[in-house]
Amino acid sequence: ASALSEALRGGFTPEAPALAARLDADYAKTVAAIRAYQEGCGK
């Protein structure tokens, strides 16, 4: 998220789409881990 926000600070940059894809993967991994935890503890 830090890398993408810096790339977008002044508007679009050519590296933004690749950085957004990296954020997408990290977000999916984070959410999957939290949901697995949530399911395991019954919340």
Full PDB file with SEQRES, HELIX, SHEET, SSBOND, CRYST1, ORIGX, SCALE, CONECT and MASTER records, all heavy atoms in Angstrom:
SEQRES   1 A   43  ALA SER ALA LEU SER GLU ALA LEU ARG GLY GLY PHE THR          
SEQRES   2 A   43  PRO GLU ALA PRO ALA LEU ALA ALA ARG LEU ASP ALA ASP          
SEQRES   3 A   43  TYR ALA LYS THR VAL ALA ALA ILE ARG ALA TYR GLN GLU          
SEQRES   4 A   43  GLY CYS GLY LYS                                              
HELIX    1 AA1 SER A    2  LEU A    8  1                                   7    
HELIX    2 AA2 ALA A   16  CYS A   41  1                                  26    
CRYST1    1.000    1.000    1.000  90.00  90.00  90.00 P 1           1          
ORIGX1      1.000000  0.000000  0.000000        0.00000                         
ORIGX2      0.000000  1.000000  0.000000        0.00000                         
ORIGX3      0.000000  0.000000  1.000000        0.00000                         
SCALE1      1.000000  0.000000  0.000000        0.00000                         
SCALE2      0.000000  1.000000  0.000000        0.00000                         
SCALE3      0.000000  0.000000  1.000000        0.00000                         
ATOM      1  N   ALA A   1       0.835  -1.210   0.000  1.00  0.00           N  
ATOM      2  CA  ALA A   1       0.000   0.000   0.000  1.00  0.00           C  
ATOM      3  C   ALA A   1       0.864   1.251   0.000  1.00  0.00           C  
ATOM      4  O   ALA A   1       0.535   2.243  -0.659  1.00  0.00           O  
ATOM      5  CB  ALA A   1      -0.938  -0.004   1.196  1.00  0.00           C  
ATOM      6  N   SER A   2       1.967   1.209   0.710  1.00  0.00           N  
ATOM      7  CA  SER A   2       2.887   2.347   0.742  1.00  0.00           C  
ATOM      8  C   SER A   2       3.479   2.600  -0.643  1.00  0.00           C  
ATOM      9  O   SER A   2       3.521   3.745  -1.114  1.00  0.00           O  
ATOM     10  CB  SER A   2       3.999   2.077   1.755  1.00  0.00           C  
ATOM     11  OG  SER A   2       4.903   3.150   1.792  1.00  0.00           O  
ATOM     12  N   ALA A   3       3.904   1.537  -1.302  1.00  0.00           N  
ATOM     13  CA  ALA A   3       4.488   1.688  -2.641  1.00  0.00           C  
ATOM     14  C   ALA A   3       3.460   2.250  -3.618  1.00  0.00           C  
ATOM     15  O   ALA A   3       3.769   3.152  -4.413  1.00  0.00           O  
ATOM     16  CB  ALA A   3       5.017   0.337  -3.126  1.00  0.00           C  
ATOM     17  N   LEU A   4       2.228   1.749  -3.563  1.00  0.00           N  
ATOM     18  CA  LEU A   4       1.197   2.247  -4.471  1.00  0.00           C  
ATOM     19  C   LEU A   4       0.820   3.687  -4.150  1.00  0.00           C  
ATOM     20  O   LEU A   4       0.680   4.510  -5.059  1.00  0.00           O  
ATOM     21  CB  LEU A   4      -0.044   1.356  -4.422  1.00  0.00           C  
ATOM     22  CG  LEU A   4      -1.195   1.793  -5.335  1.00  0.00           C  
ATOM     23  CD1 LEU A   4      -0.753   1.841  -6.799  1.00  0.00           C  
ATOM     24  CD2 LEU A   4      -2.399   0.875  -5.157  1.00  0.00           C  
ATOM     25  N   SER A   5       0.683   4.014  -2.886  1.00  0.00           N  
ATOM     26  CA  SER A   5       0.294   5.389  -2.557  1.00  0.00           C  
ATOM     27  C   SER A   5       1.380   6.372  -2.996  1.00  0.00           C  
ATOM     28  O   SER A   5       1.064   7.447  -3.509  1.00  0.00           O  
ATOM     29  CB  SER A   5      -0.060   5.553  -1.078  1.00  0.00           C  
ATOM     30  OG  SER A   5       1.058   5.400  -0.258  1.00  0.00           O  
ATOM     31  N   GLU A   6       2.628   5.993  -2.855  1.00  0.00           N  
ATOM     32  CA  GLU A   6       3.705   6.888  -3.322  1.00  0.00           C  
ATOM     33  C   GLU A   6       3.687   7.024  -4.837  1.00  0.00           C  
ATOM     34  O   GLU A   6       3.906   8.106  -5.368  1.00  0.00           O  
ATOM     35  CB  GLU A   6       5.067   6.395  -2.828  1.00  0.00           C  
ATOM     36  CG  GLU A   6       5.284   6.623  -1.352  1.00  0.00           C  
ATOM     37  CD  GLU A   6       5.025   8.066  -0.917  1.00  0.00           C  
ATOM     38  OE1 GLU A   6       5.586   9.008  -1.526  1.00  0.00           O  
ATOM     39  OE2 GLU A   6       4.237   8.266   0.026  1.00  0.00           O  
ATOM     40  N   ALA A   7       3.401   5.930  -5.540  1.00  0.00           N  
ATOM     41  CA  ALA A   7       3.337   5.986  -7.007  1.00  0.00           C  
ATOM     42  C   ALA A   7       2.189   6.860  -7.481  1.00  0.00           C  
ATOM     43  O   ALA A   7       2.294   7.503  -8.528  1.00  0.00           O  
ATOM     44  CB  ALA A   7       3.204   4.577  -7.576  1.00  0.00           C  
ATOM     45  N   LEU A   8       1.097   6.907  -6.711  1.00  0.00           N  
ATOM     46  CA  LEU A   8      -0.084   7.680  -7.116  1.00  0.00           C  
ATOM     47  C   LEU A   8      -0.110   9.096  -6.540  1.00  0.00           C  
ATOM     48  O   LEU A   8      -1.013   9.858  -6.850  1.00  0.00           O  
ATOM     49  CB  LEU A   8      -1.358   6.946  -6.666  1.00  0.00           C  
ATOM     50  CG  LEU A   8      -1.657   5.627  -7.355  1.00  0.00           C  
ATOM     51  CD1 LEU A   8      -2.847   4.942  -6.688  1.00  0.00           C  
ATOM     52  CD2 LEU A   8      -1.911   5.832  -8.846  1.00  0.00           C  
ATOM     53  N   ARG A   9       0.868   9.430  -5.724  1.00  0.00           N  
ATOM     54  CA  ARG A   9       0.853  10.726  -5.034  1.00  0.00           C  
ATOM     55  C   ARG A   9       0.651  11.899  -5.997  1.00  0.00           C  
ATOM     56  O   ARG A   9      -0.091  12.830  -5.710  1.00  0.00           O  
ATOM     57  CB  ARG A   9       2.139  10.916  -4.235  1.00  0.00           C  
ATOM     58  CG  ARG A   9       2.109  12.143  -3.353  1.00  0.00           C  
ATOM     59  CD  ARG A   9       3.311  12.220  -2.435  1.00  0.00           C  
ATOM     60  NE  ARG A   9       3.292  11.193  -1.412  1.00  0.00           N  
ATOM     61  CZ  ARG A   9       2.600  11.255  -0.274  1.00  0.00           C  
ATOM     62  NH1 ARG A   9       1.827  12.298  -0.035  1.00  0.00           N  
ATOM     63  NH2 ARG A   9       2.659  10.290   0.606  1.00  0.00           N  
ATOM     64  N   GLY A  10       1.266  11.843  -7.143  1.00  0.00           N  
ATOM     65  CA  GLY A  10       1.128  12.938  -8.108  1.00  0.00           C  
ATOM     66  C   GLY A  10       0.229  12.602  -9.277  1.00  0.00           C  
ATOM     67  O   GLY A  10       0.227  13.290 -10.282  1.00  0.00           O  
ATOM     68  N   GLY A  11      -0.525  11.525  -9.177  1.00  0.00           N  
ATOM     69  CA  GLY A  11      -1.370  11.077 -10.278  1.00  0.00           C  
ATOM     70  C   GLY A  11      -0.858   9.756 -10.821  1.00  0.00           C  
ATOM     71  O   GLY A  11      -0.024   9.097 -10.199  1.00  0.00           O  
ATOM     72  N   PHE A  12      -1.331   9.377 -11.989  1.00  0.00           N  
ATOM     73  CA  PHE A  12      -0.977   8.089 -12.561  1.00  0.00           C  
ATOM     74  C   PHE A  12       0.510   8.021 -12.886  1.00  0.00           C  
ATOM     75  O   PHE A  12       1.102   8.988 -13.364  1.00  0.00           O  
ATOM     76  CB  PHE A  12      -1.771   7.832 -13.845  1.00  0.00           C  
ATOM     77  CG  PHE A  12      -1.434   6.516 -14.483  1.00  0.00           C  
ATOM     78  CD1 PHE A  12      -1.976   5.350 -13.977  1.00  0.00           C  
ATOM     79  CD2 PHE A  12      -0.561   6.449 -15.549  1.00  0.00           C  
ATOM     80  CE1 PHE A  12      -1.655   4.120 -14.547  1.00  0.00           C  
ATOM     81  CE2 PHE A  12      -0.245   5.239 -16.124  1.00  0.00           C  
ATOM     82  CZ  PHE A  12      -0.786   4.069 -15.624  1.00  0.00           C  
ATOM     83  N   THR A  13       1.094   6.868 -12.618  1.00  0.00           N  
ATOM     84  CA  THR A  13       2.464   6.572 -13.041  1.00  0.00           C  
ATOM     85  C   THR A  13       2.442   5.198 -13.703  1.00  0.00           C  
ATOM     86  O   THR A  13       1.583   4.363 -13.387  1.00  0.00           O  
ATOM     87  CB  THR A  13       3.443   6.555 -11.852  1.00  0.00           C  
ATOM     88  OG1 THR A  13       2.995   5.605 -10.893  1.00  0.00           O  
ATOM     89  CG2 THR A  13       3.552   7.927 -11.201  1.00  0.00           C  
ATOM     90  N   PRO A  14       3.379   4.929 -14.608  1.00  0.00           N  
ATOM     91  CA  PRO A  14       3.376   3.647 -15.321  1.00  0.00           C  
ATOM     92  C   PRO A  14       3.487   2.417 -14.405  1.00  0.00           C  
ATOM     93  O   PRO A  14       2.983   1.351 -14.736  1.00  0.00           O  
ATOM     94  CB  PRO A  14       4.592   3.738 -16.245  1.00  0.00           C  
ATOM     95  CG  PRO A  14       4.838   5.202 -16.417  1.00  0.00           C  
ATOM     96  CD  PRO A  14       4.400   5.843 -15.133  1.00  0.00           C  
ATOM     97  N   GLU A  15       4.117   2.577 -13.251  1.00  0.00           N  
ATOM     98  CA  GLU A  15       4.264   1.425 -12.349  1.00  0.00           C  
ATOM     99  C   GLU A  15       3.021   1.175 -11.489  1.00  0.00           C  
ATOM    100  O   GLU A  15       2.917   0.139 -10.829  1.00  0.00           O  
ATOM    101  CB  GLU A  15       5.506   1.553 -11.462  1.00  0.00           C  
ATOM    102  CG  GLU A  15       5.494   2.706 -10.494  1.00  0.00           C  
ATOM    103  CD  GLU A  15       6.070   4.012 -11.039  1.00  0.00           C  
ATOM    104  OE1 GLU A  15       6.328   4.122 -12.248  1.00  0.00           O  
ATOM    105  OE2 GLU A  15       6.246   4.925 -10.229  1.00  0.00           O  
ATOM    106  N   ALA A  16       2.065   2.083 -11.480  1.00  0.00           N  
ATOM    107  CA  ALA A  16       0.881   1.952 -10.619  1.00  0.00           C  
ATOM    108  C   ALA A  16       0.101   0.649 -10.843  1.00  0.00           C  
ATOM    109  O   ALA A  16      -0.271  -0.002  -9.862  1.00  0.00           O  
ATOM    110  CB  ALA A  16      -0.028   3.172 -10.766  1.00  0.00           C  
ATOM    111  N   PRO A  17      -0.175   0.226 -12.081  1.00  0.00           N  
ATOM    112  CA  PRO A  17      -0.935  -1.016 -12.246  1.00  0.00           C  
ATOM    113  C   PRO A  17      -0.244  -2.246 -11.636  1.00  0.00           C  
ATOM    114  O   PRO A  17      -0.896  -3.070 -10.999  1.00  0.00           O  
ATOM    115  CB  PRO A  17      -1.081  -1.150 -13.764  1.00  0.00           C  
ATOM    116  CG  PRO A  17      -1.019   0.255 -14.258  1.00  0.00           C  
ATOM    117  CD  PRO A  17      -0.008   0.925 -13.360  1.00  0.00           C  
ATOM    118  N   ALA A  18       1.053  -2.362 -11.799  1.00  0.00           N  
ATOM    119  CA  ALA A  18       1.780  -3.500 -11.214  1.00  0.00           C  
ATOM    120  C   ALA A  18       1.775  -3.414  -9.691  1.00  0.00           C  
ATOM    121  O   ALA A  18       1.636  -4.433  -9.000  1.00  0.00           O  
ATOM    122  CB  ALA A  18       3.209  -3.548 -11.746  1.00  0.00           C  
ATOM    123  N   LEU A  19       1.910  -2.207  -9.162  1.00  0.00           N  
ATOM    124  CA  LEU A  19       1.872  -2.031  -7.706  1.00  0.00           C  
ATOM    125  C   LEU A  19       0.468  -2.317  -7.160  1.00  0.00           C  
ATOM    126  O   LEU A  19       0.330  -2.872  -6.070  1.00  0.00           O  
ATOM    127  CB  LEU A  19       2.324  -0.623  -7.328  1.00  0.00           C  
ATOM    128  CG  LEU A  19       3.803  -0.328  -7.615  1.00  0.00           C  
ATOM    129  CD1 LEU A  19       4.095   1.154  -7.412  1.00  0.00           C  
ATOM    130  CD2 LEU A  19       4.709  -1.190  -6.759  1.00  0.00           C  
ATOM    131  N   ALA A  20      -0.548  -1.959  -7.924  1.00  0.00           N  
ATOM    132  CA  ALA A  20      -1.922  -2.263  -7.513  1.00  0.00           C  
ATOM    133  C   ALA A  20      -2.155  -3.778  -7.503  1.00  0.00           C  
ATOM    134  O   ALA A  20      -2.824  -4.301  -6.604  1.00  0.00           O  
ATOM    135  CB  ALA A  20      -2.924  -1.572  -8.441  1.00  0.00           C  
ATOM    136  N   ALA A  21      -1.583  -4.482  -8.463  1.00  0.00           N  
ATOM    137  CA  ALA A  21      -1.709  -5.946  -8.500  1.00  0.00           C  
ATOM    138  C   ALA A  21      -1.020  -6.567  -7.285  1.00  0.00           C  
ATOM    139  O   ALA A  21      -1.537  -7.528  -6.697  1.00  0.00           O  
ATOM    140  CB  ALA A  21      -1.121  -6.500  -9.796  1.00  0.00           C  
ATOM    141  N   ARG A  22       0.124  -6.021  -6.899  1.00  0.00           N  
ATOM    142  CA  ARG A  22       0.817  -6.515  -5.704  1.00  0.00           C  
ATOM    143  C   ARG A  22      -0.032  -6.262  -4.456  1.00  0.00           C  
ATOM    144  O   ARG A  22      -0.168  -7.126  -3.590  1.00  0.00           O  
ATOM    145  CB  ARG A  22       2.183  -5.832  -5.580  1.00  0.00           C  
ATOM    146  CG  ARG A  22       2.982  -6.303  -4.393  1.00  0.00           C  
ATOM    147  CD  ARG A  22       4.356  -5.670  -4.376  1.00  0.00           C  
ATOM    148  NE  ARG A  22       4.759  -5.468  -3.003  1.00  0.00           N  
ATOM    149  CZ  ARG A  22       5.530  -4.501  -2.585  1.00  0.00           C  
ATOM    150  NH1 ARG A  22       6.026  -3.615  -3.418  1.00  0.00           N  
ATOM    151  NH2 ARG A  22       5.838  -4.396  -1.321  1.00  0.00           N  
ATOM    152  N   LEU A  23      -0.626  -5.072  -4.362  1.00  0.00           N  
ATOM    153  CA  LEU A  23      -1.506  -4.774  -3.236  1.00  0.00           C  
ATOM    154  C   LEU A  23      -2.702  -5.715  -3.228  1.00  0.00           C  
ATOM    155  O   LEU A  23      -3.095  -6.203  -2.170  1.00  0.00           O  
ATOM    156  CB  LEU A  23      -1.958  -3.315  -3.287  1.00  0.00           C  
ATOM    157  CG  LEU A  23      -2.757  -2.850  -2.063  1.00  0.00           C  
ATOM    158  CD1 LEU A  23      -2.455  -1.400  -1.762  1.00  0.00           C  
ATOM    159  CD2 LEU A  23      -4.234  -3.045  -2.250  1.00  0.00           C  
ATOM    160  N   ASP A  24      -3.274  -5.992  -4.400  1.00  0.00           N  
ATOM    161  CA  ASP A  24      -4.406  -6.923  -4.481  1.00  0.00           C  
ATOM    162  C   ASP A  24      -4.035  -8.275  -3.872  1.00  0.00           C  
ATOM    163  O   ASP A  24      -4.805  -8.841  -3.096  1.00  0.00           O  
ATOM    164  CB  ASP A  24      -4.829  -7.149  -5.941  1.00  0.00           C  
ATOM    165  CG  ASP A  24      -5.515  -5.959  -6.568  1.00  0.00           C  
ATOM    166  OD1 ASP A  24      -5.969  -5.058  -5.836  1.00  0.00           O  
ATOM    167  OD2 ASP A  24      -5.610  -5.932  -7.812  1.00  0.00           O  
ATOM    168  N   ALA A  25      -2.867  -8.783  -4.215  1.00  0.00           N  
ATOM    169  CA  ALA A  25      -2.424 -10.089  -3.705  1.00  0.00           C  
ATOM    170  C   ALA A  25      -2.214 -10.039  -2.194  1.00  0.00           C  
ATOM    171  O   ALA A  25      -2.629 -10.957  -1.471  1.00  0.00           O  
ATOM    172  CB  ALA A  25      -1.146 -10.523  -4.417  1.00  0.00           C  
ATOM    173  N   ASP A  26      -1.587  -8.978  -1.713  1.00  0.00           N  
ATOM    174  CA  ASP A  26      -1.347  -8.855  -0.267  1.00  0.00           C  
ATOM    175  C   ASP A  26      -2.653  -8.664   0.496  1.00  0.00           C  
ATOM    176  O   ASP A  26      -2.819  -9.192   1.595  1.00  0.00           O  
ATOM    177  CB  ASP A  26      -0.380  -7.711   0.034  1.00  0.00           C  
ATOM    178  CG  ASP A  26       1.038  -8.020  -0.402  1.00  0.00           C  
ATOM    179  OD1 ASP A  26       1.396  -9.217  -0.497  1.00  0.00           O  
ATOM    180  OD2 ASP A  26       1.799  -7.064  -0.646  1.00  0.00           O  
ATOM    181  N   TYR A  27      -3.574  -7.925  -0.084  1.00  0.00           N  
ATOM    182  CA  TYR A  27      -4.880  -7.734   0.553  1.00  0.00           C  
ATOM    183  C   TYR A  27      -5.620  -9.071   0.637  1.00  0.00           C  
ATOM    184  O   TYR A  27      -6.167  -9.417   1.683  1.00  0.00           O  
ATOM    185  CB  TYR A  27      -5.711  -6.702  -0.224  1.00  0.00           C  
ATOM    186  CG  TYR A  27      -7.061  -6.460   0.398  1.00  0.00           C  
ATOM    187  CD1 TYR A  27      -7.210  -5.556   1.441  1.00  0.00           C  
ATOM    188  CD2 TYR A  27      -8.189  -7.154  -0.036  1.00  0.00           C  
ATOM    189  CE1 TYR A  27      -8.450  -5.344   2.035  1.00  0.00           C  
ATOM    190  CE2 TYR A  27      -9.431  -6.942   0.545  1.00  0.00           C  
ATOM    191  CZ  TYR A  27      -9.556  -6.035   1.581  1.00  0.00           C  
ATOM    192  OH  TYR A  27     -10.781  -5.838   2.167  1.00  0.00           O  
ATOM    193  N   ALA A  28      -5.622  -9.824  -0.449  1.00  0.00           N  
ATOM    194  CA  ALA A  28      -6.301 -11.120  -0.469  1.00  0.00           C  
ATOM    195  C   ALA A  28      -5.697 -12.060   0.577  1.00  0.00           C  
ATOM    196  O   ALA A  28      -6.432 -12.765   1.283  1.00  0.00           O  
ATOM    197  CB  ALA A  28      -6.219 -11.747  -1.862  1.00  0.00           C  
ATOM    198  N   LYS A  29      -4.383 -12.058   0.689  1.00  0.00           N  
ATOM    199  CA  LYS A  29      -3.711 -12.913   1.670  1.00  0.00           C  
ATOM    200  C   LYS A  29      -4.062 -12.484   3.094  1.00  0.00           C  
ATOM    201  O   LYS A  29      -4.320 -13.326   3.962  1.00  0.00           O  
ATOM    202  CB  LYS A  29      -2.194 -12.850   1.446  1.00  0.00           C  
ATOM    203  CG  LYS A  29      -1.396 -13.784   2.316  1.00  0.00           C  
ATOM    204  CD  LYS A  29       0.057 -13.894   1.875  1.00  0.00           C  
ATOM    205  CE  LYS A  29       0.811 -12.614   2.105  1.00  0.00           C  
ATOM    206  NZ  LYS A  29       2.257 -12.756   1.918  1.00  0.00           N  
ATOM    207  N   THR A  30      -4.115 -11.191   3.333  1.00  0.00           N  
ATOM    208  CA  THR A  30      -4.451 -10.667   4.655  1.00  0.00           C  
ATOM    209  C   THR A  30      -5.881 -11.025   5.035  1.00  0.00           C  
ATOM    210  O   THR A  30      -6.144 -11.532   6.132  1.00  0.00           O  
ATOM    211  CB  THR A  30      -4.249  -9.135   4.689  1.00  0.00           C  
ATOM    212  OG1 THR A  30      -2.876  -8.849   4.397  1.00  0.00           O  
ATOM    213  CG2 THR A  30      -4.618  -8.544   6.036  1.00  0.00           C  
ATOM    214  N   VAL A  31      -6.809 -10.782   4.137  1.00  0.00           N  
ATOM    215  CA  VAL A  31      -8.220 -11.074   4.399  1.00  0.00           C  
ATOM    216  C   VAL A  31      -8.434 -12.574   4.582  1.00  0.00           C  
ATOM    217  O   VAL A  31      -9.179 -12.992   5.479  1.00  0.00           O  
ATOM    218  CB  VAL A  31      -9.108 -10.491   3.273  1.00  0.00           C  
ATOM    219  CG1 VAL A  31     -10.524 -11.032   3.337  1.00  0.00           C  
ATOM    220  CG2 VAL A  31      -9.118  -8.968   3.363  1.00  0.00           C  
ATOM    221  N   ALA A  32      -7.774 -13.388   3.775  1.00  0.00           N  
ATOM    222  CA  ALA A  32      -7.924 -14.847   3.912  1.00  0.00           C  
ATOM    223  C   ALA A  32      -7.434 -15.314   5.281  1.00  0.00           C  
ATOM    224  O   ALA A  32      -8.062 -16.167   5.920  1.00  0.00           O  
ATOM    225  CB  ALA A  32      -7.161 -15.562   2.796  1.00  0.00           C  
ATOM    226  N   ALA A  33      -6.320 -14.764   5.743  1.00  0.00           N  
ATOM    227  CA  ALA A  33      -5.789 -15.142   7.055  1.00  0.00           C  
ATOM    228  C   ALA A  33      -6.742 -14.730   8.175  1.00  0.00           C  
ATOM    229  O   ALA A  33      -7.004 -15.502   9.101  1.00  0.00           O  
ATOM    230  CB  ALA A  33      -4.408 -14.524   7.267  1.00  0.00           C  
ATOM    231  N   ILE A  34      -7.281 -13.511   8.083  1.00  0.00           N  
ATOM    232  CA  ILE A  34      -8.210 -13.037   9.119  1.00  0.00           C  
ATOM    233  C   ILE A  34      -9.483 -13.882   9.115  1.00  0.00           C  
ATOM    234  O   ILE A  34      -9.991 -14.262  10.175  1.00  0.00           O  
ATOM    235  CB  ILE A  34      -8.531 -11.537   8.944  1.00  0.00           C  
ATOM    236  CG1 ILE A  34      -7.274 -10.696   9.149  1.00  0.00           C  
ATOM    237  CG2 ILE A  34      -9.629 -11.104   9.919  1.00  0.00           C  
ATOM    238  CD1 ILE A  34      -7.434  -9.238   8.729  1.00  0.00           C  
ATOM    239  N   ARG A  35      -9.994 -14.191   7.951  1.00  0.00           N  
ATOM    240  CA  ARG A  35     -11.211 -15.013   7.872  1.00  0.00           C  
ATOM    241  C   ARG A  35     -10.969 -16.420   8.405  1.00  0.00           C  
ATOM    242  O   ARG A  35     -11.832 -16.990   9.072  1.00  0.00           O  
ATOM    243  CB  ARG A  35     -11.740 -15.046   6.451  1.00  0.00           C  
ATOM    244  CG  ARG A  35     -12.386 -13.723   6.077  1.00  0.00           C  
ATOM    245  CD  ARG A  35     -13.166 -13.802   4.792  1.00  0.00           C  
ATOM    246  NE  ARG A  35     -13.814 -12.517   4.556  1.00  0.00           N  
ATOM    247  CZ  ARG A  35     -13.842 -11.888   3.397  1.00  0.00           C  
ATOM    248  NH1 ARG A  35     -13.267 -12.426   2.335  1.00  0.00           N  
ATOM    249  NH2 ARG A  35     -14.447 -10.731   3.280  1.00  0.00           N  
ATOM    250  N   ALA A  36      -9.804 -16.980   8.110  1.00  0.00           N  
ATOM    251  CA  ALA A  36      -9.475 -18.313   8.645  1.00  0.00           C  
ATOM    252  C   ALA A  36      -9.411 -18.259  10.168  1.00  0.00           C  
ATOM    253  O   ALA A  36      -9.907 -19.164  10.849  1.00  0.00           O  
ATOM    254  CB  ALA A  36      -8.156 -18.806   8.061  1.00  0.00           C  
ATOM    255  N   TYR A  37      -8.827 -17.189  10.697  1.00  0.00           N  
ATOM    256  CA  TYR A  37      -8.794 -17.014  12.145  1.00  0.00           C  
ATOM    257  C   TYR A  37     -10.214 -16.881  12.693  1.00  0.00           C  
ATOM    258  O   TYR A  37     -10.583 -17.532  13.663  1.00  0.00           O  
ATOM    259  CB  TYR A  37      -7.959 -15.788  12.531  1.00  0.00           C  
ATOM    260  CG  TYR A  37      -8.089 -15.454  13.992  1.00  0.00           C  
ATOM    261  CD1 TYR A  37      -7.416 -16.206  14.954  1.00  0.00           C  
ATOM    262  CD2 TYR A  37      -8.927 -14.418  14.416  1.00  0.00           C  
ATOM    263  CE1 TYR A  37      -7.574 -15.929  16.306  1.00  0.00           C  
ATOM    264  CE2 TYR A  37      -9.084 -14.142  15.761  1.00  0.00           C  
ATOM    265  CZ  TYR A  37      -8.396 -14.889  16.695  1.00  0.00           C  
ATOM    266  OH  TYR A  37      -8.558 -14.626  18.036  1.00  0.00           O  
ATOM    267  N   GLN A  38     -10.994 -16.051  12.043  1.00  0.00           N  
ATOM    268  CA  GLN A  38     -12.376 -15.798  12.474  1.00  0.00           C  
ATOM    269  C   GLN A  38     -13.197 -17.085  12.482  1.00  0.00           C  
ATOM    270  O   GLN A  38     -13.936 -17.347  13.434  1.00  0.00           O  
ATOM    271  CB  GLN A  38     -13.000 -14.772  11.520  1.00  0.00           C  
ATOM    272  CG  GLN A  38     -14.369 -14.292  11.882  1.00  0.00           C  
ATOM    273  CD  GLN A  38     -14.876 -13.266  10.871  1.00  0.00           C  
ATOM    274  OE1 GLN A  38     -14.656 -13.391   9.680  1.00  0.00           O  
ATOM    275  NE2 GLN A  38     -15.537 -12.239  11.375  1.00  0.00           N  
ATOM    276  N   GLU A  39     -13.079 -17.884  11.460  1.00  0.00           N  
ATOM    277  CA  GLU A  39     -13.816 -19.150  11.384  1.00  0.00           C  
ATOM    278  C   GLU A  39     -13.346 -20.112  12.469  1.00  0.00           C  
ATOM    279  O   GLU A  39     -14.156 -20.827  13.047  1.00  0.00           O  
ATOM    280  CB  GLU A  39     -13.642 -19.774  10.016  1.00  0.00           C  
ATOM    281  CG  GLU A  39     -14.381 -19.034   8.929  1.00  0.00           C  
ATOM    282  CD  GLU A  39     -14.039 -19.518   7.537  1.00  0.00           C  
ATOM    283  OE1 GLU A  39     -13.381 -20.570   7.376  1.00  0.00           O  
ATOM    284  OE2 GLU A  39     -14.440 -18.832   6.572  1.00  0.00           O  
ATOM    285  N   GLY A  40     -12.062 -20.109  12.748  1.00  0.00           N  
ATOM    286  CA  GLY A  40     -11.511 -21.014  13.743  1.00  0.00           C  
ATOM    287  C   GLY A  40     -11.917 -20.680  15.168  1.00  0.00           C  
ATOM    288  O   GLY A  40     -11.970 -21.551  16.020  1.00  0.00           O  
ATOM    289  N   CYS A  41     -12.206 -19.405  15.416  1.00  0.00           N  
ATOM    290  CA  CYS A  41     -12.573 -19.024  16.781  1.00  0.00           C  
ATOM    291  C   CYS A  41     -14.079 -18.784  16.923  1.00  0.00           C  
ATOM    292  O   CYS A  41     -14.535 -18.369  17.978  1.00  0.00           O  
ATOM    293  CB  CYS A  41     -11.762 -17.826  17.261  1.00  0.00           C  
ATOM    294  SG  CYS A  41     -12.062 -16.291  16.392  1.00  0.00           S  
ATOM    295  N   GLY A  42     -14.830 -19.023  15.852  1.00  0.00           N  
ATOM    296  CA  GLY A  42     -16.291 -18.944  15.936  1.00  0.00           C  
ATOM    297  C   GLY A  42     -16.849 -17.541  16.026  1.00  0.00           C  
ATOM    298  O   GLY A  42     -17.923 -17.337  16.555  1.00  0.00           O  
ATOM    299  N   LYS A  43     -16.166 -16.546  15.509  1.00  0.00           N  
ATOM    300  CA  LYS A  43     -16.656 -15.162  15.587  1.00  0.00           C  
ATOM    301  C   LYS A  43     -17.313 -14.741  14.296  1.00  0.00           C  
ATOM    302  O   LYS A  43     -17.020 -15.132  13.257  1.00  0.00           O  
ATOM    303  CB  LYS A  43     -15.510 -14.231  15.929  1.00  0.00           C  
ATOM    304  CG  LYS A  43     -14.983 -14.552  17.296  1.00  0.00           C  
ATOM    305  CD  LYS A  43     -14.110 -13.478  17.814  1.00  0.00           C  
ATOM    306  CE  LYS A  43     -13.562 -13.916  19.128  1.00  0.00           C  
ATOM    307  NZ  LYS A  43     -13.769 -13.130  20.214  1.00  0.00           N  
TER     308      LYS A  43                                                      
MASTER        0    0    0    2    0    0    0    6  307    1    0    4          
END                                                                             
